[in-house]
Amino acid sequence: MTNALNVAWKELQLLWRDKGELAVLFVMPIMFASIIGAAFGGAGGAPGIGVYLVNDDQGVYGQQIAETLREVTVLRVTELDSVAEADALVANSRGLAAILIPEGLSDAIETFDRAEVRVIADPTQQQYASLVTGVVNDVVLPVVLRGEITHGINVIAAESPAYAQ
């Protein structure tokens, strides 16, 4: 044990003499954390990953998805009026991704038709864009399940003789 302490003391003395090594050990991690914190909304900045949201659906499900996305603390949602504007901003690396809720989504869910919420991602930042896609999937899933359950109940009720009366 004494030998280990002696070696540690010697290494600390050598480290104290080498100011460059001290900078690498203590200053670099602080700088790295500051840069990452600023990029993803650390102290002093707006929190979250910047995304655009275009909600063309006026129904209850589209509004529910939009509201839930606004409440997700990981995202910094900016709402836009057009898909073209969102696409242009993402293409110019002015945002990480755009989330597009199509017109008629609520009607499609209620009638059990196919509809999809799309995510346009900045191709230069695909590793971070997959985070947005995961969040969107988590937000959309309960809405889709609610629509499927409602549709299933309506189909069963419509086939029931008691429902007709």
C-alpha atoms as a PDB file:
ATOM      1  CA  MET A   1       0.000   0.000   0.000  1.00  0.00           C
ATOM      2  CA  THR A   2       2.860   2.327   0.768  1.00  0.00           C
ATOM      3  CA  ASN A   3       4.303   1.772  -2.704  1.00  0.00           C
ATOM      4  CA  ALA A   4       0.986   2.669  -4.353  1.00  0.00           C
ATOM      5  CA  LEU A   5       0.748   5.890  -2.340  1.00  0.00           C
ATOM      6  CA  ASN A   6       4.354   6.786  -3.207  1.00  0.00           C
ATOM      7  CA  VAL A   7       3.690   6.260  -6.918  1.00  0.00           C
ATOM      8  CA  ALA A   8       0.497   8.331  -6.718  1.00  0.00           C
ATOM      9  CA  TRP A   9       2.330  11.158  -4.918  1.00  0.00           C
ATOM     10  CA  LYS A  10       5.086  11.144  -7.552  1.00  0.00           C
ATOM     11  CA  GLU A  11       2.515  11.265 -10.383  1.00  0.00           C
ATOM     12  CA  LEU A  12       0.696  14.173  -8.732  1.00  0.00           C
ATOM     13  CA  GLN A  13       3.952  16.104  -8.442  1.00  0.00           C
ATOM     14  CA  LEU A  14       4.727  15.500 -12.126  1.00  0.00           C
ATOM     15  CA  LEU A  15       1.211  16.500 -13.095  1.00  0.00           C
ATOM     16  CA  TRP A  16       1.418  19.730 -11.083  1.00  0.00           C
ATOM     17  CA  ARG A  17       4.591  20.745 -12.986  1.00  0.00           C
ATOM     18  CA  ASP A  18       2.988  20.115 -16.397  1.00  0.00           C
ATOM     19  CA  LYS A  19       0.480  22.959 -16.813  1.00  0.00           C
ATOM     20  CA  GLY A  20      -0.638  21.673 -20.239  1.00  0.00           C
ATOM     21  CA  GLU A  21      -1.664  18.346 -18.741  1.00  0.00           C
ATOM     22  CA  LEU A  22      -3.563  20.160 -15.991  1.00  0.00           C
ATOM     23  CA  ALA A  23      -5.456  22.140 -18.639  1.00  0.00           C
ATOM     24  CA  VAL A  24      -6.379  18.969 -20.478  1.00  0.00           C
ATOM     25  CA  LEU A  25      -7.590  17.292 -17.290  1.00  0.00           C
ATOM     26  CA  PHE A  26      -9.606  20.157 -15.821  1.00  0.00           C
ATOM     27  CA  VAL A  27     -10.280  22.933 -18.348  1.00  0.00           C
ATOM     28  CA  MET A  28     -11.157  20.822 -21.399  1.00  0.00           C
ATOM     29  CA  PRO A  29     -14.049  18.920 -19.747  1.00  0.00           C
ATOM     30  CA  ILE A  30     -15.527  22.200 -18.510  1.00  0.00           C
ATOM     31  CA  MET A  31     -15.257  23.734 -21.986  1.00  0.00           C
ATOM     32  CA  PHE A  32     -16.767  20.631 -23.590  1.00  0.00           C
ATOM     33  CA  ALA A  33     -19.688  20.605 -21.151  1.00  0.00           C
ATOM     34  CA  SER A  34     -20.287  24.319 -21.770  1.00  0.00           C
ATOM     35  CA  ILE A  35     -20.385  23.863 -25.547  1.00  0.00           C
ATOM     36  CA  ILE A  36     -22.744  20.890 -25.356  1.00  0.00           C
ATOM     37  CA  GLY A  37     -24.922  22.707 -22.810  1.00  0.00           C
ATOM     38  CA  ALA A  38     -25.180  25.772 -25.038  1.00  0.00           C
ATOM     39  CA  ALA A  39     -25.997  23.650 -28.092  1.00  0.00           C
ATOM     40  CA  PHE A  40     -28.817  21.784 -26.359  1.00  0.00           C
ATOM     41  CA  GLY A  41     -30.218  24.519 -24.159  1.00  0.00           C
ATOM     42  CA  GLY A  42     -28.018  24.789 -21.117  1.00  0.00           C
ATOM     43  CA  ALA A  43     -28.139  27.654 -18.651  1.00  0.00           C
ATOM     44  CA  GLY A  44     -29.086  30.930 -20.243  1.00  0.00           C
ATOM     45  CA  GLY A  45     -30.484  29.437 -23.450  1.00  0.00           C
ATOM     46  CA  ALA A  46     -33.860  28.169 -24.477  1.00  0.00           C
ATOM     47  CA  PRO A  47     -34.162  24.504 -23.523  1.00  0.00           C
ATOM     48  CA  GLY A  48     -34.524  21.661 -25.956  1.00  0.00           C
ATOM     49  CA  ILE A  49     -33.869  20.633 -29.508  1.00  0.00           C
ATOM     50  CA  GLY A  50     -35.215  23.125 -32.035  1.00  0.00           C
ATOM     51  CA  VAL A  51     -37.934  21.674 -34.269  1.00  0.00           C
ATOM     52  CA  TYR A  52     -40.667  23.113 -36.456  1.00  0.00           C
ATOM     53  CA  LEU A  53     -44.293  21.989 -36.304  1.00  0.00           C
ATOM     54  CA  VAL A  54     -46.830  22.313 -39.111  1.00  0.00           C
ATOM     55  CA  ASN A  55     -50.320  21.203 -38.051  1.00  0.00           C
ATOM     56  CA  ASP A  56     -52.655  21.127 -41.059  1.00  0.00           C
ATOM     57  CA  ASP A  57     -55.241  19.022 -39.210  1.00  0.00           C
ATOM     58  CA  GLN A  58     -58.072  20.897 -37.507  1.00  0.00           C
ATOM     59  CA  GLY A  59     -59.461  17.827 -35.749  1.00  0.00           C
ATOM     60  CA  VAL A  60     -59.125  16.699 -32.169  1.00  0.00           C
ATOM     61  CA  TYR A  61     -56.308  14.210 -32.805  1.00  0.00           C
ATOM     62  CA  GLY A  62     -54.105  16.679 -34.662  1.00  0.00           C
ATOM     63  CA  GLN A  63     -54.617  19.241 -31.908  1.00  0.00           C
ATOM     64  CA  GLN A  64     -53.823  16.634 -29.247  1.00  0.00           C
ATOM     65  CA  ILE A  65     -50.565  15.654 -30.968  1.00  0.00           C
ATOM     66  CA  ALA A  66     -49.560  19.314 -31.384  1.00  0.00           C
ATOM     67  CA  GLU A  67     -50.334  20.114 -27.746  1.00  0.00           C
ATOM     68  CA  THR A  68     -48.385  17.101 -26.486  1.00  0.00           C
ATOM     69  CA  LEU A  69     -45.382  18.015 -28.659  1.00  0.00           C
ATOM     70  CA  ARG A  70     -45.415  21.549 -27.223  1.00  0.00           C
ATOM     71  CA  GLU A  71     -45.313  20.057 -23.707  1.00  0.00           C
ATOM     72  CA  VAL A  72     -42.298  17.800 -24.385  1.00  0.00           C
ATOM     73  CA  THR A  73     -39.424  19.484 -22.562  1.00  0.00           C
ATOM     74  CA  VAL A  74     -36.777  17.947 -24.806  1.00  0.00           C
ATOM     75  CA  LEU A  75     -38.166  19.861 -27.805  1.00  0.00           C
ATOM     76  CA  ARG A  76     -38.239  23.579 -28.508  1.00  0.00           C
ATOM     77  CA  VAL A  77     -41.240  23.713 -30.870  1.00  0.00           C
ATOM     78  CA  THR A  78     -41.765  26.587 -33.294  1.00  0.00           C
ATOM     79  CA  GLU A  79     -45.080  26.443 -35.148  1.00  0.00           C
ATOM     80  CA  LEU A  80     -45.197  27.335 -38.838  1.00  0.00           C
ATOM     81  CA  ASP A  81     -48.051  27.704 -41.313  1.00  0.00           C
ATOM     82  CA  SER A  82     -46.646  25.863 -44.343  1.00  0.00           C
ATOM     83  CA  VAL A  83     -44.817  22.651 -45.115  1.00  0.00           C
ATOM     84  CA  ALA A  84     -42.718  24.469 -47.737  1.00  0.00           C
ATOM     85  CA  GLU A  85     -41.438  26.959 -45.159  1.00  0.00           C
ATOM     86  CA  ALA A  86     -40.568  24.191 -42.686  1.00  0.00           C
ATOM     87  CA  ASP A  87     -38.847  22.160 -45.400  1.00  0.00           C
ATOM     88  CA  ALA A  88     -36.777  25.173 -46.496  1.00  0.00           C
ATOM     89  CA  LEU A  89     -35.690  25.987 -42.935  1.00  0.00           C
ATOM     90  CA  VAL A  90     -34.613  22.396 -42.247  1.00  0.00           C
ATOM     91  CA  ALA A  91     -32.849  22.164 -45.631  1.00  0.00           C
ATOM     92  CA  ASN A  92     -30.856  25.295 -44.728  1.00  0.00           C
ATOM     93  CA  SER A  93     -29.888  23.807 -41.326  1.00  0.00           C
ATOM     94  CA  ARG A  94     -31.959  26.396 -39.462  1.00  0.00           C
ATOM     95  CA  GLY A  95     -33.660  23.631 -37.488  1.00  0.00           C
ATOM     96  CA  LEU A  96     -32.985  20.009 -36.701  1.00  0.00           C
ATOM     97  CA  ALA A  97     -36.330  18.698 -37.967  1.00  0.00           C
ATOM     98  CA  ALA A  98     -39.871  19.565 -38.987  1.00  0.00           C
ATOM     99  CA  ILE A  99     -42.891  17.615 -37.760  1.00  0.00           C
ATOM    100  CA  LEU A 100     -45.760  17.588 -40.243  1.00  0.00           C
ATOM    101  CA  ILE A 101     -49.308  16.724 -39.144  1.00  0.00           C
ATOM    102  CA  PRO A 102     -51.334  16.228 -42.348  1.00  0.00           C
ATOM    103  CA  GLU A 103     -54.779  17.588 -43.098  1.00  0.00           C
ATOM    104  CA  GLY A 104     -57.473  15.029 -42.353  1.00  0.00           C
ATOM    105  CA  LEU A 105     -55.450  13.073 -39.796  1.00  0.00           C
ATOM    106  CA  SER A 106     -58.280  13.097 -37.256  1.00  0.00           C
ATOM    107  CA  ASP A 107     -60.803  11.919 -39.845  1.00  0.00           C
ATOM    108  CA  ALA A 108     -58.452   9.159 -40.973  1.00  0.00           C
ATOM    109  CA  ILE A 109     -57.975   7.942 -37.397  1.00  0.00           C
ATOM    110  CA  GLU A 110     -61.724   7.924 -36.751  1.00  0.00           C
ATOM    111  CA  THR A 111     -62.468   5.985 -39.953  1.00  0.00           C
ATOM    112  CA  PHE A 112     -59.465   3.722 -39.472  1.00  0.00           C
ATOM    113  CA  ASP A 113     -57.802   4.907 -42.702  1.00  0.00           C
ATOM    114  CA  ARG A 114     -54.078   5.292 -43.283  1.00  0.00           C
ATOM    115  CA  ALA A 115     -52.475   8.592 -42.319  1.00  0.00           C
ATOM    116  CA  GLU A 116     -49.005   9.465 -41.118  1.00  0.00           C
ATOM    117  CA  VAL A 117     -47.265  12.185 -39.207  1.00  0.00           C
ATOM    118  CA  ARG A 118     -44.025  12.891 -41.070  1.00  0.00           C
ATOM    119  CA  VAL A 119     -40.670  14.091 -39.788  1.00  0.00           C
ATOM    120  CA  ILE A 120     -38.345  15.951 -42.148  1.00  0.00           C
ATOM    121  CA  ALA A 121     -34.824  15.799 -40.726  1.00  0.00           C
ATOM    122  CA  ASP A 122     -31.682  17.790 -41.439  1.00  0.00           C
ATOM    123  CA  PRO A 123     -29.492  15.301 -43.357  1.00  0.00           C
ATOM    124  CA  THR A 124     -26.333  16.713 -41.772  1.00  0.00           C
ATOM    125  CA  GLN A 125     -27.576  15.846 -38.268  1.00  0.00           C
ATOM    126  CA  GLN A 126     -29.195  12.433 -38.689  1.00  0.00           C
ATOM    127  CA  GLN A 127     -27.895  11.121 -35.351  1.00  0.00           C
ATOM    128  CA  TYR A 128     -29.858  13.810 -33.493  1.00  0.00           C
ATOM    129  CA  ALA A 129     -32.857  13.706 -35.813  1.00  0.00           C
ATOM    130  CA  SER A 130     -33.533  10.124 -34.772  1.00  0.00           C
ATOM    131  CA  LEU A 131     -34.219  11.501 -31.273  1.00  0.00           C
ATOM    132  CA  VAL A 132     -36.987  13.671 -32.720  1.00  0.00           C
ATOM    133  CA  THR A 133     -38.445  10.716 -34.612  1.00  0.00           C
ATOM    134  CA  GLY A 134     -38.495   8.668 -31.403  1.00  0.00           C
ATOM    135  CA  VAL A 135     -40.258  11.440 -29.495  1.00  0.00           C
ATOM    136  CA  VAL A 136     -42.839  11.840 -32.276  1.00  0.00           C
ATOM    137  CA  ASN A 137     -43.495   8.083 -32.292  1.00  0.00           C
ATOM    138  CA  ASP A 138     -44.048   8.164 -28.528  1.00  0.00           C
ATOM    139  CA  VAL A 139     -46.442  11.116 -28.837  1.00  0.00           C
ATOM    140  CA  VAL A 140     -48.446   9.691 -31.759  1.00  0.00           C
ATOM    141  CA  LEU A 141     -48.824   6.136 -30.408  1.00  0.00           C
ATOM    142  CA  PRO A 142     -51.432   6.897 -27.684  1.00  0.00           C
ATOM    143  CA  VAL A 143     -53.501   8.905 -30.179  1.00  0.00           C
ATOM    144  CA  VAL A 144     -53.468   6.064 -32.697  1.00  0.00           C
ATOM    145  CA  LEU A 145     -54.363   3.530 -30.005  1.00  0.00           C
ATOM    146  CA  ARG A 146     -57.262   5.701 -28.873  1.00  0.00           C
ATOM    147  CA  GLY A 147     -58.502   5.887 -32.459  1.00  0.00           C
ATOM    148  CA  GLU A 148     -58.177   2.121 -32.921  1.00  0.00           C
ATOM    149  CA  ILE A 149     -60.058   1.408 -29.696  1.00  0.00           C
ATOM    150  CA  THR A 150     -62.828   3.859 -30.616  1.00  0.00           C
ATOM    151  CA  HIS A 151     -63.131   2.306 -34.072  1.00  0.00           C
ATOM    152  CA  GLY A 152     -63.232  -1.207 -32.597  1.00  0.00           C
ATOM    153  CA  ILE A 153     -65.958  -0.266 -30.139  1.00  0.00           C
ATOM    154  CA  ASN A 154     -68.008   1.353 -32.912  1.00  0.00           C
ATOM    155  CA  VAL A 155     -67.692  -1.736 -35.166  1.00  0.00           C
ATOM    156  CA  ILE A 156     -68.731  -4.101 -32.376  1.00  0.00           C
ATOM    157  CA  ALA A 157     -71.594  -1.839 -31.332  1.00  0.00           C
ATOM    158  CA  ALA A 158     -72.832  -1.524 -34.917  1.00  0.00           C
ATOM    159  CA  GLU A 159     -72.963  -5.326 -35.245  1.00  0.00           C
ATOM    160  CA  SER A 160     -74.874  -5.743 -31.995  1.00  0.00           C
ATOM    161  CA  PRO A 161     -78.652  -6.148 -32.308  1.00  0.00           C
ATOM    162  CA  ALA A 162     -79.186  -4.129 -29.133  1.00  0.00           C
ATOM    163  CA  TYR A 163     -77.330  -1.170 -30.665  1.00  0.00           C
ATOM    164  CA  ALA A 164     -79.763  -0.945 -33.564  1.00  0.00           C
ATOM    165  CA  GLN A 165     -82.663  -0.488 -31.147  1.00  0.00           C
END
